[in-house]
Protein backbone atom coordinates (compact mmCIF):
# COMPACT_ATOMS: atom_id res chain seq x y z
CA MET A 1 23.37 31.63 -59.41
CA LYS A 2 23.29 27.79 -58.23
CA ARG A 3 26.48 29.47 -56.67
CA LEU A 4 24.25 31.84 -55.07
CA PHE A 5 21.58 29.52 -54.04
CA ALA A 6 24.37 27.24 -52.39
CA ALA A 7 25.41 29.87 -50.53
CA ILE A 8 22.42 31.54 -49.06
CA LEU A 9 21.79 27.69 -48.51
CA CYS A 10 24.88 27.31 -45.99
CA LEU A 11 24.08 30.57 -44.48
CA CYS A 12 20.49 29.16 -43.34
CA LEU A 13 22.00 26.27 -41.97
CA LEU A 14 24.04 27.71 -40.09
CA ALA A 15 21.80 30.07 -38.92
CA GLY A 16 19.77 27.27 -37.78
CA CYS A 17 22.06 25.31 -35.44
CA GLY A 18 23.48 28.78 -33.95
CA ARG A 19 20.36 29.97 -33.25
CA THR A 20 19.83 31.28 -29.13
CA ASP A 21 16.91 30.40 -26.98
CA SER A 22 15.41 32.32 -24.40
CA THR A 23 18.24 31.94 -21.79
CA GLY A 24 20.75 32.73 -24.97
CA ASN A 25 22.53 29.16 -25.01
CA THR A 26 23.30 27.94 -28.40
CA CYS A 27 20.92 25.32 -29.73
CA ARG A 28 22.64 22.23 -30.97
CA ALA A 29 20.85 19.91 -33.88
CA GLU A 30 20.85 17.15 -30.94
CA ASP A 31 18.83 19.45 -29.34
CA GLU A 32 15.85 19.87 -31.57
CA PRO A 33 13.05 17.65 -30.41
CA THR A 34 12.52 14.66 -33.15
CA VAL A 35 9.49 14.86 -35.11
CA GLY A 36 7.28 11.91 -34.94
CA ALA A 37 9.13 10.51 -32.09
CA GLU A 38 6.91 7.82 -29.97
CA LYS A 39 6.72 8.44 -26.56
CA ALA A 40 8.69 6.73 -23.75
CA GLU A 41 6.92 3.10 -22.31
CA PRO A 42 4.60 3.38 -19.76
CA ILE A 43 5.52 1.96 -16.62
CA GLY A 44 4.79 -1.87 -15.52
CA GLU A 45 4.20 -2.56 -11.93
CA SER A 46 2.70 -5.20 -10.03
CA PHE A 47 0.71 -4.68 -7.04
CA ARG A 48 -1.71 -6.29 -4.02
CA ILE A 49 -4.86 -4.86 -4.28
CA ILE A 50 -5.80 -4.08 -0.26
CA GLN A 51 -9.34 -3.00 -0.77
CA GLU A 52 -11.84 -2.73 -3.76
CA LYS A 53 -14.23 0.02 -3.98
CA PRO A 54 -16.67 0.23 -6.73
CA ASP A 55 -14.92 3.40 -8.60
CA TRP A 56 -11.41 2.67 -7.15
CA LEU A 57 -8.72 0.20 -5.50
CA LEU A 58 -6.11 0.50 -2.60
CA LEU A 59 -2.76 -0.77 -4.26
CA ALA A 60 0.37 -1.96 -2.61
CA LYS A 61 3.37 -2.51 -4.18
CA GLU A 62 4.45 -5.94 -4.50
CA GLU A 63 7.59 -6.23 -1.60
CA GLY A 64 7.37 -2.34 -1.99
CA GLY A 65 8.14 0.05 1.42
CA SER A 66 5.82 1.79 3.03
CA ALA A 67 5.68 4.84 1.01
CA GLU A 68 4.53 2.80 -2.37
CA VAL A 69 1.18 2.44 -1.31
CA TYR A 70 -1.29 3.91 -4.46
CA THR A 71 -4.90 4.18 -5.95
CA LEU A 72 -6.11 3.21 -8.77
CA SER A 73 -9.44 4.88 -10.74
CA LEU A 74 -11.30 2.17 -12.24
CA ARG A 75 -13.28 5.25 -14.44
CA ASP A 76 -12.66 5.42 -17.90
CA VAL A 77 -10.26 2.33 -17.60
CA GLU A 78 -10.70 -1.38 -19.27
CA LEU A 79 -9.63 -4.08 -17.16
CA THR A 80 -8.21 -7.59 -18.21
CA LEU A 81 -8.66 -11.15 -16.50
CA ASP A 82 -5.05 -12.74 -17.46
CA GLY A 83 -5.10 -11.00 -20.61
CA GLU A 84 -8.75 -11.33 -21.22
CA ALA A 85 -11.07 -8.47 -21.38
CA PHE A 86 -12.74 -8.11 -17.73
CA GLU A 87 -16.35 -6.71 -17.13
CA ARG A 88 -16.53 -5.95 -12.94
CA ASN A 89 -20.40 -5.75 -13.56
CA GLU A 90 -21.31 -8.74 -15.14
CA PRO A 91 -22.44 -11.96 -13.88
CA GLY A 92 -20.04 -14.63 -12.55
CA ALA A 93 -16.93 -12.15 -12.84
CA TYR A 94 -15.74 -12.41 -9.45
CA GLN A 95 -16.11 -16.69 -9.85
CA ARG A 96 -12.36 -16.89 -9.77
CA PHE A 97 -11.39 -15.00 -6.74
CA PRO A 98 -12.61 -16.36 -3.51
CA ASP A 99 -15.14 -14.79 -1.19
CA GLY A 100 -16.61 -12.40 -3.57
CA THR A 101 -13.80 -9.48 -4.33
CA LEU A 102 -10.75 -8.36 -5.48
CA THR A 103 -9.22 -7.77 -2.13
CA GLY A 104 -5.88 -10.38 -1.86
CA ALA A 105 -5.65 -10.51 -5.88
CA LEU A 106 -2.22 -9.27 -7.60
CA VAL A 107 -2.64 -6.98 -10.65
CA GLU A 108 -0.18 -5.34 -12.84
CA VAL A 109 -0.92 -1.52 -14.14
CA ALA A 110 0.99 0.54 -17.14
CA TYR A 111 0.78 4.49 -16.29
CA ASP A 112 2.61 7.05 -16.86
CA LEU A 113 2.91 9.26 -13.91
CA VAL A 114 2.09 9.01 -9.89
CA LEU A 115 0.14 12.31 -8.24
CA GLU A 116 2.43 13.30 -4.74
CA THR A 117 -0.79 12.27 -2.24
CA TYR A 118 -0.63 9.41 0.05
CA PRO A 119 -1.86 7.37 -1.28
CA GLY A 120 -0.45 8.12 -4.55
CA GLN A 121 -2.58 8.49 -7.29
CA LEU A 122 -1.41 6.49 -10.19
CA ALA A 123 -2.54 8.73 -13.52
CA GLU A 124 -2.62 8.67 -17.29
CA VAL A 125 -3.37 4.94 -16.64
CA THR A 126 -2.79 2.71 -20.26
CA ALA A 127 -3.58 -0.68 -19.20
CA VAL A 128 -4.75 -2.78 -15.77
CA ASN A 129 -4.25 -6.58 -15.81
CA ILE A 130 -6.09 -8.49 -12.76
CA ARG A 131 -4.03 -12.01 -12.47
CA SER A 132 -5.75 -14.83 -11.22
CA ASP A 133 -2.89 -16.56 -9.86
CA GLY A 134 -1.01 -15.41 -6.72
CA PHE A 135 -4.25 -14.47 -4.73
CA ASP A 136 -3.20 -13.72 -0.80
CA ASP A 137 -5.52 -11.98 1.29
CA ARG A 138 -3.53 -11.35 4.33
CA CYS A 139 -4.02 -8.02 4.60
CA ALA A 140 -7.94 -8.94 5.02
CA LEU A 141 -7.52 -10.97 7.91
CA TYR A 142 -5.06 -8.71 9.47
CA LEU A 143 -7.89 -6.02 8.94
CA ARG A 144 -10.76 -7.72 10.99
CA VAL A 145 -8.52 -8.88 13.77
CA LEU A 146 -7.57 -4.69 14.40
CA ASN A 147 -11.31 -3.95 14.13
CA ASP A 148 -12.18 -6.35 16.15
CA LEU A 149 -9.88 -5.36 18.96
CA TRP A 150 -11.55 -1.94 18.48
CA ALA A 151 -14.26 -3.22 19.32
CA VAL A 152 -13.73 -4.94 22.48
CA ASP A 153 -12.85 -2.87 25.68
CA GLU A 154 -13.35 0.12 23.69
CA GLY A 155 -13.21 2.35 25.99
CA LEU A 156 -9.07 2.68 25.53
CA ASN A 157 -9.88 3.70 21.99
CA SER A 158 -12.87 5.93 22.50
CA ASP A 159 -11.12 9.27 22.35
CA ILE A 160 -7.83 9.04 20.33
CA THR A 161 -6.83 10.98 17.41
CA MET A 162 -4.27 9.01 16.56
CA LEU A 163 -2.95 5.71 15.74
CA SER A 164 -0.21 3.19 15.30
CA VAL A 165 -0.62 0.11 13.71
CA ASP A 166 2.94 -2.06 14.28
CA LEU A 167 2.89 -5.11 11.94
CA SER A 168 6.80 -5.33 11.55
CA GLN A 169 6.65 -8.81 12.94
CA THR A 170 4.04 -10.34 10.18
CA GLY A 171 4.76 -11.93 7.11
CA LEU A 172 3.33 -8.44 5.11
CA SER A 173 5.15 -6.10 3.13
CA ASP A 174 6.24 -2.79 4.21
CA SER A 175 4.28 -1.76 1.46
CA GLU A 176 1.22 -4.11 2.71
CA GLN A 177 1.80 -2.82 6.70
CA ALA A 178 1.17 1.03 5.64
CA ALA A 179 -1.71 0.20 3.38
CA VAL A 180 -3.29 -1.79 6.29
CA ALA A 181 -2.89 1.04 8.41
CA TRP A 182 -4.39 3.48 6.49
CA VAL A 183 -7.89 2.01 5.96
CA PHE A 184 -8.03 1.04 9.52
CA GLY A 185 -7.16 4.88 10.32
CA GLY A 186 -9.96 5.42 7.67
CA MET A 187 -12.36 3.03 9.15
CA HIS A 188 -12.78 4.91 12.59
CA ASP A 189 -11.97 8.39 11.04
CA ILE A 190 -8.22 8.74 12.65
CA SER A 191 -6.48 11.00 10.18
CA GLU A 192 -3.15 10.87 12.02
CA THR A 193 -1.93 6.73 11.57
CA MET A 194 1.27 5.73 12.12
CA THR A 195 2.75 1.84 11.73
CA MET A 196 5.56 2.88 14.56
CA SER A 197 6.45 0.47 17.44
CA TYR A 198 6.59 1.08 20.82
CA GLU A 199 9.90 1.55 20.72
CA LYS A 200 9.70 4.03 18.28
CA LEU A 201 6.47 6.23 19.51
CA ALA A 202 8.90 6.29 23.25
CA ALA A 203 11.94 7.63 20.82
CA GLU A 204 9.21 10.36 18.90
CA GLY A 205 8.19 11.60 22.24
CA TYR A 206 4.59 10.48 21.71
CA LEU A 207 4.76 8.40 25.35
CA THR A 208 4.48 10.22 28.66
CA GLY A 209 6.49 8.11 31.46
CA ALA A 210 8.21 6.03 29.06
CA ALA A 211 12.09 7.37 29.65
CA PRO A 212 14.35 5.02 31.64
CA ASP A 213 14.60 7.34 34.10
CA SER A 214 11.12 8.11 34.41
CA ASP A 215 8.92 7.00 38.26
CA GLY A 216 5.45 7.72 35.76
CA ILE A 217 3.28 4.60 34.12
CA PRO A 218 4.41 4.62 30.24
CA CYS A 219 1.31 6.06 28.38
CA TRP A 220 -0.11 7.14 24.82
CA GLU A 221 -2.58 10.04 25.87
CA ASP A 222 -3.73 10.78 22.48
CA GLY A 223 -3.10 7.84 20.69
CA CYS A 224 -3.81 4.11 20.92
CA LEU A 225 -1.42 1.43 19.76
CA PHE A 226 -2.38 -1.78 17.73
CA THR A 227 -0.10 -4.95 17.29
CA ILE A 228 0.07 -8.08 15.46
CA THR A 229 3.39 -9.93 16.02
CA GLU A 230 3.36 -14.06 14.24
CA GLN A 231 4.68 -16.20 16.75
CA GLU A 232 7.84 -18.30 15.22
CA THR A 233 6.70 -21.94 15.30
CA GLY A 234 7.04 -24.51 12.82
CA ASP A 235 3.27 -23.71 11.82
CA ASN A 236 3.97 -19.89 10.34
CA GLU A 237 4.38 -19.21 6.99
CA LEU A 238 7.16 -17.19 8.05
CA ASN A 239 8.85 -20.50 8.81
CA GLY A 240 8.10 -22.42 5.74
CA ALA A 241 4.19 -23.77 6.29
CA ARG A 242 2.15 -22.58 3.57
CA ASN A 243 -1.31 -22.06 5.08
CA THR A 244 -1.45 -21.98 8.64
CA VAL A 245 -0.54 -19.06 10.93
CA THR A 246 -0.40 -18.37 14.77
CA PHE A 247 -0.10 -15.33 16.38
CA ASP A 248 -0.46 -12.63 19.21
CA ALA A 249 -2.41 -9.30 19.03
CA GLN A 250 -3.21 -6.23 21.10
CA LYS A 251 -3.58 -2.59 21.49
CA TRP A 252 -2.16 -0.70 23.66
CA ARG A 253 -2.73 2.87 25.32
CA SER A 254 -1.22 2.72 28.52
CA ALA A 255 1.16 0.31 31.65
CA LEU A 256 -2.34 -0.06 32.85
CA GLY A 257 -4.38 -0.50 29.87
CA ALA A 258 -4.17 -2.73 27.13
CA TYR A 259 -6.56 -5.52 25.81
CA PHE A 260 -4.42 -9.31 24.14
CA PHE A 261 -5.56 -11.81 21.85
CA ALA A 262 -3.16 -14.29 22.86
CA ASP A 263 -2.61 -17.51 20.57
CA CYS A 264 -4.42 -16.73 17.62
CA THR A 265 -4.76 -19.40 14.25
CA ALA A 266 -5.63 -18.65 10.90
CA GLU A 267 -5.51 -21.27 8.39
CA GLN A 268 -5.05 -20.64 4.36
CA ALA A 269 -7.11 -22.38 2.03
CA LEU A 270 -5.48 -23.49 -1.39
CA ASP A 271 -7.04 -20.75 -2.88
CA GLY A 272 -5.23 -17.87 -1.07
CA HIS A 273 -8.08 -17.13 0.61
CA TRP A 274 -7.80 -16.47 4.94
CA GLY A 275 -10.71 -17.79 6.58
CA ASP A 276 -12.34 -16.97 10.44
CA TYR A 277 -9.29 -17.02 12.92
CA THR A 278 -9.57 -18.61 16.49
CA VAL A 279 -8.33 -16.38 19.31
CA GLY A 280 -6.70 -18.97 22.48
CA SER A 281 -7.14 -16.45 24.91
CA GLU A 282 -7.58 -13.00 25.52
CA ALA A 283 -6.45 -10.70 28.33
CA ILE A 284 -6.62 -7.63 29.84
CA SER A 285 -4.17 -5.03 31.96
């Protein structure tokens, strides 16, 4: 009887090892899922908060590429500040942050997946830790500049259906540049927002009269190009200074339709907050 039982047991083991799945492939023992196996550890990454809304944040991955812009829903998410419980609605909750907002702060997010939209949506979030160090709201500064440019000589951009924001000559990362452009477009109900320079717009065929052999006047009939360029002087962060930046800003519709802010200066406080900026001079063409 013992020999018969052993033989039956061996046959069962062989049958289990040699069973086939729906595709006809033989399943090996090592292919079987392990009962009680732990789920893979969630991803934990650092982001800059670009915009804060009541129930979500817009994030740019720290030193990320232009596609690494995300939204983070704050519904049903427990926040921590430097590892300790953080309630946004409690009195004095924002006292560690300049200007009473999280915009400019760094945040560490642990999540399992990203929903494929633009911006991407961080999903299955398991931890959100806001940091009080590393604050820098230069993105908010440049959004103020862009909106000020929008408001002057508004006829240049009153009828556009697309725009481009070129911040490639600033100290912002590619992800921060893309996030600023997306926010700026949304503020003015422009759904088609790009981050192309004049040269790229011309090469992609957005501009008329921009070809070297053209006799026409370069023009973007359907859009407007906004550009901020940090000057390479000793006062710039790009050249070693921590708290001062000098830059030029312009919006361009055509060779005969543009507005300029020249020799603008802004200072960063020790807490990382960029205050108001001054404009050295303004010009129109």
